[in-house]
C-alpha cells in the first residue's frame, strides 16, 4: 500500500506583499491597515512579463494613486 502525502502548509508569493508609497502617505495607510476598522484593498495589474503590480490602493473604497 502506497503512503499518501499531505500538504501541511502552502506558501504563495505574488510579488505584491510589500510596496512603496509617496513620502508622507505611508503612516496614514499603515494606521488604516493596523486598526482593522478600515477596509484596505489593492488594484493589481499584470505587466507584460506576467508579474503582478500594484496600481493603487483603496482605503474604504477611495482610490489612492501612487
N, C-alpha and C. Protein backbone atom coordinates (compact mmCIF):
# COMPACT_ATOMS: atom_id res chain seq x y z
N UNK A 1 0.84 -1.18 0.00
CA UNK A 1 0.00 0.00 0.00
C UNK A 1 0.89 1.24 0.00
N UNK A 2 0.66 2.16 -0.90
CA UNK A 2 1.45 3.38 -1.01
C UNK A 2 1.04 4.37 0.07
N UNK A 3 2.02 5.12 0.56
CA UNK A 3 1.73 6.15 1.56
C UNK A 3 1.14 7.38 0.88
N UNK A 4 0.17 7.98 1.53
CA UNK A 4 -0.46 9.18 0.99
C UNK A 4 0.24 10.41 1.56
N UNK A 5 0.64 11.33 0.69
CA UNK A 5 1.29 12.56 1.14
C UNK A 5 0.23 13.63 1.41
N UNK A 6 0.45 14.40 2.45
CA UNK A 6 -0.43 15.53 2.73
C UNK A 6 0.39 16.80 2.80
N UNK A 7 -0.18 17.86 2.30
CA UNK A 7 0.47 19.17 2.36
C UNK A 7 -0.03 19.87 3.61
N UNK A 8 0.89 20.20 4.49
CA UNK A 8 0.50 20.86 5.73
C UNK A 8 0.54 22.37 5.61
N UNK A 9 1.34 22.86 4.70
CA UNK A 9 1.46 24.30 4.52
C UNK A 9 1.79 24.58 3.07
N UNK A 10 1.18 25.61 2.54
CA UNK A 10 1.44 26.03 1.17
C UNK A 10 1.65 27.53 1.18
N UNK A 11 2.76 27.98 0.65
CA UNK A 11 3.06 29.40 0.61
C UNK A 11 3.11 29.86 -0.84
N UNK A 12 2.41 30.95 -1.10
CA UNK A 12 2.38 31.53 -2.44
C UNK A 12 2.82 32.98 -2.34
N UNK A 13 3.82 33.35 -3.12
CA UNK A 13 4.28 34.74 -3.18
C UNK A 13 3.81 35.33 -4.51
N UNK A 14 3.15 36.48 -4.43
CA UNK A 14 2.64 37.14 -5.62
C UNK A 14 3.52 38.31 -6.05
N UNK A 15 4.48 38.70 -5.22
CA UNK A 15 5.34 39.83 -5.56
C UNK A 15 4.74 41.18 -5.20
N UNK A 16 3.61 41.18 -4.51
CA UNK A 16 2.97 42.44 -4.12
C UNK A 16 2.80 42.52 -2.61
N UNK A 17 3.58 41.72 -1.90
CA UNK A 17 3.46 41.70 -0.44
C UNK A 17 3.98 42.98 0.20
N UNK A 18 4.84 43.69 -0.48
CA UNK A 18 5.32 44.98 0.02
C UNK A 18 5.28 45.98 -1.13
N UNK A 19 5.19 47.24 -0.79
CA UNK A 19 5.07 48.27 -1.81
C UNK A 19 5.54 49.60 -1.24
N UNK A 20 5.84 50.53 -2.12
CA UNK A 20 6.28 51.86 -1.72
C UNK A 20 5.17 52.85 -2.01
N UNK A 21 5.02 53.82 -1.14
CA UNK A 21 4.01 54.87 -1.32
C UNK A 21 4.71 56.22 -1.26
N UNK A 22 4.06 57.27 -1.74
CA UNK A 22 4.68 58.60 -1.71
C UNK A 22 5.05 59.02 -0.28
N UNK A 23 6.13 59.76 -0.18
CA UNK A 23 6.59 60.25 1.11
C UNK A 23 5.47 61.02 1.81
N UNK A 24 5.29 60.75 3.07
CA UNK A 24 4.27 61.43 3.85
C UNK A 24 2.92 60.73 3.87
N UNK A 25 2.73 59.69 3.05
CA UNK A 25 1.44 58.98 2.97
C UNK A 25 1.49 57.63 3.68
N UNK A 26 2.67 57.13 3.91
CA UNK A 26 2.82 55.78 4.45
C UNK A 26 2.18 55.56 5.81
N UNK A 27 2.33 56.50 6.72
CA UNK A 27 1.80 56.33 8.07
C UNK A 27 0.28 56.25 8.06
N UNK A 28 -0.38 57.06 7.25
CA UNK A 28 -1.84 57.03 7.17
C UNK A 28 -2.32 55.66 6.69
N UNK A 29 -1.67 55.14 5.67
CA UNK A 29 -2.06 53.84 5.12
C UNK A 29 -1.77 52.73 6.12
N UNK A 30 -0.60 52.79 6.76
CA UNK A 30 -0.23 51.77 7.74
C UNK A 30 -1.20 51.76 8.92
N UNK A 31 -1.57 52.93 9.40
CA UNK A 31 -2.53 53.02 10.52
C UNK A 31 -3.88 52.44 10.10
N UNK A 32 -4.31 52.74 8.89
CA UNK A 32 -5.58 52.22 8.40
C UNK A 32 -5.57 50.70 8.37
N UNK A 33 -4.46 50.11 7.96
CA UNK A 33 -4.34 48.66 7.91
C UNK A 33 -4.34 48.05 9.30
N UNK A 34 -3.67 48.67 10.23
CA UNK A 34 -3.50 48.11 11.57
C UNK A 34 -4.77 48.15 12.40
N UNK A 35 -5.63 49.12 12.19
CA UNK A 35 -6.82 49.23 13.02
C UNK A 35 -7.82 48.11 12.75
N UNK A 36 -7.84 47.63 11.53
CA UNK A 36 -8.80 46.59 11.17
C UNK A 36 -10.20 47.14 10.98
N UNK A 37 -10.40 48.41 11.27
CA UNK A 37 -11.71 49.05 11.12
C UNK A 37 -11.89 49.61 9.72
N UNK A 38 -10.79 49.78 9.03
CA UNK A 38 -10.79 50.37 7.71
C UNK A 38 -10.53 49.28 6.68
N UNK A 39 -11.25 49.32 5.58
CA UNK A 39 -11.04 48.35 4.51
C UNK A 39 -9.93 48.85 3.60
N UNK A 40 -8.87 48.08 3.47
CA UNK A 40 -7.76 48.43 2.59
C UNK A 40 -7.65 47.36 1.51
N UNK A 41 -7.78 47.78 0.25
CA UNK A 41 -7.70 46.88 -0.88
C UNK A 41 -6.64 47.40 -1.85
N UNK A 42 -6.26 46.57 -2.80
CA UNK A 42 -5.28 46.97 -3.80
C UNK A 42 -5.83 46.68 -5.19
N UNK A 43 -5.61 47.61 -6.12
CA UNK A 43 -5.87 47.36 -7.53
C UNK A 43 -4.57 46.81 -8.10
N UNK A 44 -4.65 45.66 -8.71
CA UNK A 44 -3.45 44.99 -9.21
C UNK A 44 -3.59 44.78 -10.71
N UNK A 45 -2.51 45.04 -11.44
CA UNK A 45 -2.47 44.76 -12.87
C UNK A 45 -1.37 43.73 -13.12
N UNK A 46 -1.39 43.13 -14.27
CA UNK A 46 -0.35 42.18 -14.67
C UNK A 46 0.46 42.84 -15.78
N UNK A 47 1.79 42.93 -15.58
CA UNK A 47 2.62 43.56 -16.61
C UNK A 47 2.87 42.60 -17.78
N UNK A 48 3.57 43.08 -18.79
CA UNK A 48 3.77 42.28 -20.00
C UNK A 48 4.62 41.03 -19.76
N UNK A 49 5.26 40.94 -18.59
CA UNK A 49 6.06 39.77 -18.25
C UNK A 49 5.31 38.80 -17.34
N UNK A 50 4.04 39.12 -17.04
CA UNK A 50 3.23 38.25 -16.20
C UNK A 50 3.37 38.49 -14.71
N UNK A 51 4.01 39.61 -14.33
CA UNK A 51 4.19 39.95 -12.92
C UNK A 51 3.03 40.80 -12.41
N UNK A 52 2.62 40.55 -11.17
CA UNK A 52 1.59 41.37 -10.54
C UNK A 52 2.22 42.69 -10.09
N UNK A 53 1.52 43.79 -10.35
CA UNK A 53 1.99 45.12 -9.99
C UNK A 53 0.84 45.89 -9.34
N UNK A 54 1.08 46.46 -8.16
CA UNK A 54 0.04 47.25 -7.51
C UNK A 54 -0.11 48.57 -8.26
N UNK A 55 -1.31 48.83 -8.74
CA UNK A 55 -1.60 50.08 -9.47
C UNK A 55 -1.98 51.18 -8.49
N UNK A 56 -2.81 50.83 -7.50
CA UNK A 56 -3.23 51.80 -6.50
C UNK A 56 -3.81 51.06 -5.30
N UNK A 57 -3.93 51.78 -4.21
CA UNK A 57 -4.58 51.26 -3.01
C UNK A 57 -5.94 51.92 -2.88
N UNK A 58 -6.86 51.23 -2.25
CA UNK A 58 -8.18 51.78 -1.96
C UNK A 58 -8.39 51.68 -0.46
N UNK A 59 -8.69 52.81 0.16
CA UNK A 59 -8.99 52.84 1.58
C UNK A 59 -10.46 53.20 1.70
N UNK A 60 -11.22 52.26 2.24
CA UNK A 60 -12.68 52.40 2.31
C UNK A 60 -13.27 52.78 0.95
N UNK A 61 -12.74 52.17 -0.10
CA UNK A 61 -13.26 52.39 -1.45
C UNK A 61 -12.71 53.61 -2.15
N UNK A 62 -11.95 54.46 -1.45
CA UNK A 62 -11.39 55.67 -2.05
C UNK A 62 -9.99 55.35 -2.58
N UNK A 63 -9.80 55.57 -3.88
CA UNK A 63 -8.54 55.23 -4.52
C UNK A 63 -7.44 56.21 -4.17
N UNK A 64 -6.27 55.66 -3.84
CA UNK A 64 -5.08 56.46 -3.56
C UNK A 64 -4.04 56.07 -4.60
N UNK A 65 -3.78 56.93 -5.55
CA UNK A 65 -2.80 56.65 -6.61
C UNK A 65 -1.39 56.88 -6.09
N UNK A 66 -0.46 56.09 -6.59
CA UNK A 66 0.96 56.31 -6.29
C UNK A 66 1.82 55.78 -7.39
